[in-house]
Each structure stands twice: as structure tokens, then as C-alpha cells.
Protein backbone atom coordinates (compact mmCIF):
# COMPACT_ATOMS: atom_id res chain seq x y z
CA MET A 1 -18.73 -22.06 -1.34
CA LYS A 2 -20.27 -22.95 -4.71
CA LYS A 3 -18.09 -26.01 -5.71
CA ARG A 4 -14.78 -28.14 -4.06
CA HIS A 5 -12.31 -26.03 -5.59
CA VAL A 6 -11.64 -22.10 -5.05
CA LEU A 7 -9.09 -19.67 -6.71
CA LEU A 8 -7.63 -18.11 -4.17
CA PHE A 9 -6.14 -14.73 -5.23
CA ILE A 10 -5.05 -11.95 -3.29
CA LEU A 11 -4.21 -8.16 -4.68
CA LEU A 12 -2.11 -6.88 -1.50
CA LEU A 13 -2.00 -3.64 -3.35
CA LEU A 14 1.09 -1.12 -1.34
CA SER A 15 0.77 1.67 -2.57
CA PHE A 16 2.08 3.27 -0.35
CA ASN A 17 5.90 3.77 0.98
CA PHE A 18 7.05 2.11 3.94
CA THR A 19 10.03 4.41 5.38
CA VAL A 20 7.96 7.59 5.36
CA ALA A 21 9.24 8.61 8.14
CA GLU A 22 6.55 11.68 7.87
CA ALA A 23 2.35 10.28 8.06
CA ARG A 24 0.34 13.75 6.10
CA GLU A 25 -2.69 12.35 8.10
CA GLY A 26 -1.26 14.00 11.00
CA PHE A 27 -1.14 9.87 13.00
CA THR A 28 0.62 7.12 12.24
CA ILE A 29 -0.80 3.59 11.76
CA GLN A 30 2.45 1.34 13.72
CA HIS A 31 0.53 -2.00 12.66
CA TYR A 32 -2.61 -3.25 10.62
CA ASP A 33 -3.49 -6.56 10.95
CA ILE A 34 -6.14 -7.71 9.06
CA VAL A 35 -8.30 -11.81 9.53
CA LEU A 36 -10.07 -12.53 6.79
CA ASP A 37 -13.32 -15.43 7.64
CA VAL A 38 -14.32 -16.07 3.90
CA ARG A 39 -17.93 -17.07 4.35
CA ASP A 40 -19.84 -19.56 1.50
CA ASP A 41 -22.40 -16.99 1.86
CA HIS A 42 -19.66 -14.76 -1.06
CA SER A 43 -19.45 -12.70 2.37
CA ILE A 44 -16.32 -11.92 4.41
CA LEU A 45 -15.72 -11.22 8.19
CA ILE A 46 -13.33 -8.20 8.28
CA THR A 47 -10.89 -7.49 11.48
CA GLU A 48 -9.48 -5.09 11.27
CA THR A 49 -6.72 -3.93 14.13
CA LEU A 50 -4.95 -0.12 14.17
CA ASP A 51 -2.45 0.77 15.99
CA VAL A 52 -2.33 4.67 15.52
CA ALA A 53 0.36 6.73 16.62
CA PHE A 54 -1.23 10.48 16.65
CA GLN A 55 1.55 13.61 15.54
CA GLU A 56 -1.37 15.77 15.40
CA THR A 57 -4.23 16.18 17.77
CA LEU A 58 -7.17 15.22 16.58
CA HIS A 59 -10.68 13.19 16.68
CA GLY A 60 -10.02 9.99 16.06
CA ILE A 61 -9.50 8.37 12.15
CA TYR A 62 -10.98 7.20 8.83
CA ARG A 63 -11.57 4.32 7.37
CA THR A 64 -12.75 4.73 3.51
CA ILE A 65 -13.66 0.98 1.93
CA PRO A 66 -14.18 0.68 -2.00
CA LEU A 67 -17.27 -0.53 -2.72
CA ARG A 68 -16.54 -1.31 -6.84
CA THR A 69 -15.21 -4.66 -7.31
CA HIS A 70 -13.47 -5.67 -9.81
CA PHE A 71 -16.12 -7.30 -11.37
CA ASP A 72 -17.50 -4.26 -11.91
CA THR A 73 -20.02 -5.08 -9.65
CA TRP A 74 -21.12 -3.19 -6.11
CA ALA A 75 -20.40 -4.71 -3.03
CA ARG A 76 -22.29 -4.17 0.52
CA ILE A 77 -20.76 -3.83 3.19
CA ASN A 78 -23.16 -4.37 7.31
CA GLU A 79 -22.73 -5.66 10.59
CA ILE A 80 -19.98 -2.69 11.78
CA LYS A 81 -18.93 -3.00 15.13
CA LEU A 82 -16.01 -1.57 15.99
CA LEU A 83 -14.62 -4.26 18.96
CA SER A 84 -12.25 -1.65 20.52
CA GLY A 85 -15.56 0.49 22.40
CA HIS A 86 -14.32 3.35 19.91
CA GLN A 87 -17.34 6.03 18.63
CA PHE A 88 -18.23 5.06 15.57
CA ALA A 89 -20.49 7.13 12.38
CA THR A 90 -21.17 6.03 8.95
CA SER A 91 -22.03 7.04 5.32
CA ARG A 92 -21.52 6.97 1.52
CA GLU A 93 -19.16 9.12 -0.39
CA GLY A 94 -19.46 8.46 -4.01
CA SER A 95 -17.71 4.60 -4.73
CA ASP A 96 -16.70 4.22 -0.89
CA TYR A 97 -18.01 3.05 2.41
CA LYS A 98 -16.34 5.36 4.87
CA ILE A 99 -16.38 4.94 8.60
CA ARG A 100 -15.53 7.31 10.90
CA ILE A 101 -14.22 6.40 13.94
CA GLY A 102 -13.84 8.02 17.37
CA ASP A 103 -15.54 10.87 19.94
CA PRO A 104 -16.60 14.33 17.79
CA ASN A 105 -16.14 16.03 20.96
CA ALA A 106 -13.09 14.54 22.42
CA TYR A 107 -9.72 14.09 21.08
CA SER A 108 -8.05 11.20 20.73
CA ARG A 109 -5.08 9.73 22.95
CA ALA A 110 -1.70 10.24 21.88
CA GLN A 111 -1.44 6.67 21.06
CA GLU A 112 -5.08 4.68 20.37
CA THR A 113 -5.73 1.19 19.04
CA TYR A 114 -8.99 0.51 16.55
CA VAL A 115 -10.69 -2.20 16.43
CA ILE A 116 -13.50 -2.75 13.26
CA GLN A 117 -15.09 -5.42 12.41
CA TYR A 118 -17.94 -5.40 9.39
CA ARG A 119 -19.37 -8.14 7.11
CA PHE A 120 -18.10 -7.69 2.85
CA HIS A 121 -20.73 -9.01 0.69
CA LEU A 122 -18.94 -9.93 -2.79
CA GLY A 123 -21.75 -10.72 -4.56
CA ASP A 124 -21.61 -12.34 -7.36
CA ASP A 125 -17.94 -13.24 -8.56
CA GLN A 126 -19.74 -14.75 -12.15
CA LEU A 127 -18.07 -17.78 -12.31
CA THR A 128 -19.61 -20.91 -12.58
CA ASP A 129 -16.88 -23.81 -12.25
CA LEU A 130 -15.13 -22.25 -9.11
CA ASP A 131 -14.55 -19.51 -6.78
CA GLU A 132 -12.58 -16.08 -6.37
CA LEU A 133 -11.53 -14.43 -3.36
CA TYR A 134 -9.77 -11.30 -4.65
CA TYR A 135 -10.07 -8.26 -2.36
CA ASN A 136 -7.52 -5.48 -1.37
CA LEU A 137 -6.25 -5.88 2.11
CA ILE A 138 -5.58 -2.11 2.72
CA GLY A 139 -7.15 -0.37 0.08
CA THR A 140 -5.59 2.54 -1.55
CA ASP A 141 -7.24 5.81 0.44
CA TRP A 142 -4.72 5.45 3.15
CA ASN A 143 -2.58 9.27 3.17
CA THR A 144 -0.64 8.14 5.60
CA SER A 145 2.41 5.71 6.62
CA ILE A 146 1.66 2.31 7.67
CA ASP A 147 5.02 0.53 9.30
CA GLY A 148 3.65 -3.44 9.55
CA VAL A 149 0.87 -5.53 8.10
CA THR A 150 0.14 -9.21 8.32
CA PHE A 151 -2.85 -11.08 7.81
CA ARG A 152 -4.91 -14.24 8.42
CA ILE A 153 -7.39 -16.10 5.55
CA ASN A 154 -9.61 -18.25 7.21
CA MET A 155 -11.21 -20.13 4.40
CA PRO A 156 -14.46 -21.93 5.28
CA HIS A 157 -13.40 -25.89 3.90
CA ASP A 158 -11.18 -27.05 3.18
CA PHE A 159 -9.56 -26.71 -0.97
CA ASP A 160 -7.11 -28.29 -3.30
CA SER A 161 -4.71 -25.40 -3.96
CA THR A 162 -3.12 -26.48 -6.93
CA PRO A 163 -2.73 -23.88 -9.04
CA LEU A 164 -5.21 -24.29 -12.16
């Protein structure tokens, strides 16, 4: 990081209702685990594990990641891997990056675990005396229910967590 001082500000916008009984997308995310490994180059190596229960016959899911940052700049995504071995394809749609996970020629099982890993480059945070981490862990484009979420953030260095 630029300085030893780091402002850690995480926005958890959980704009969906965790108690919805029926998923609108034909699947439910039973558990969503996120690990953020913050890097010195202002990028984050993100690993997401999604335990998905399908109520409908589908080929998989889409993971939509917004690329517009709160600094009104554009993030970049690369080093995409499906650690769970599933097929995937990527596309850019407007201000979003989409990962289609699943085999277009085969249906998903009733229960699937998808492990996605990618590097999210935040770009310049436009701050000179500290660094800021501002990242929406879940995103806003899930049209389904999520029963549980866990996350862990690994910082690259020790830092002073005293509020400014």
C-alpha cells in the first residue's frame, strides 16, 4: 500500500431479503463465502465459493461484477479461474463483467459448488496520504435468495486501525 495508514471501509449492501422462500432465478445460494486477498498494487485476489441448490433445470449461473468504482473510475478483472473445474465464459455488458458458469451442453446437478477466483484491479483511489478499500462483497445483481454469507479480508501488511 502507498502508506502504512490504511482506511478500511467495506460496503456490505445486502439489498435482498435473506428470508425469501422461493428463488426467482430457479436456484438458491445456500452459502456464499468470499475471501479478499488485498495486494500492494491496489488489486484484490478474490475467491468466491457458492453452494447452489437448483430448483429448476438450468445449465449453471451467471456472476455479474460491476466495473464502475465509487471513485467513478473503471476497474479491471483478469486471472479468472474456476477452481471447482466448471466451464465458464466471460463477457462485458455495459458497465458489468459477466461470468457464465456451467456447461452450455449439460444441465447442472441439483446441488453444485462453484469456486470462482479472479483479480479485481481497483485503479487509483485518488488519495495521497492513505489507501481506501471500498468493495461491495456481494454485488447487486443477484435475482435470488442467499441463505448465508461469510467473508475474510487478508491485508498485505499490518496497519493502524485507529479511526481517523
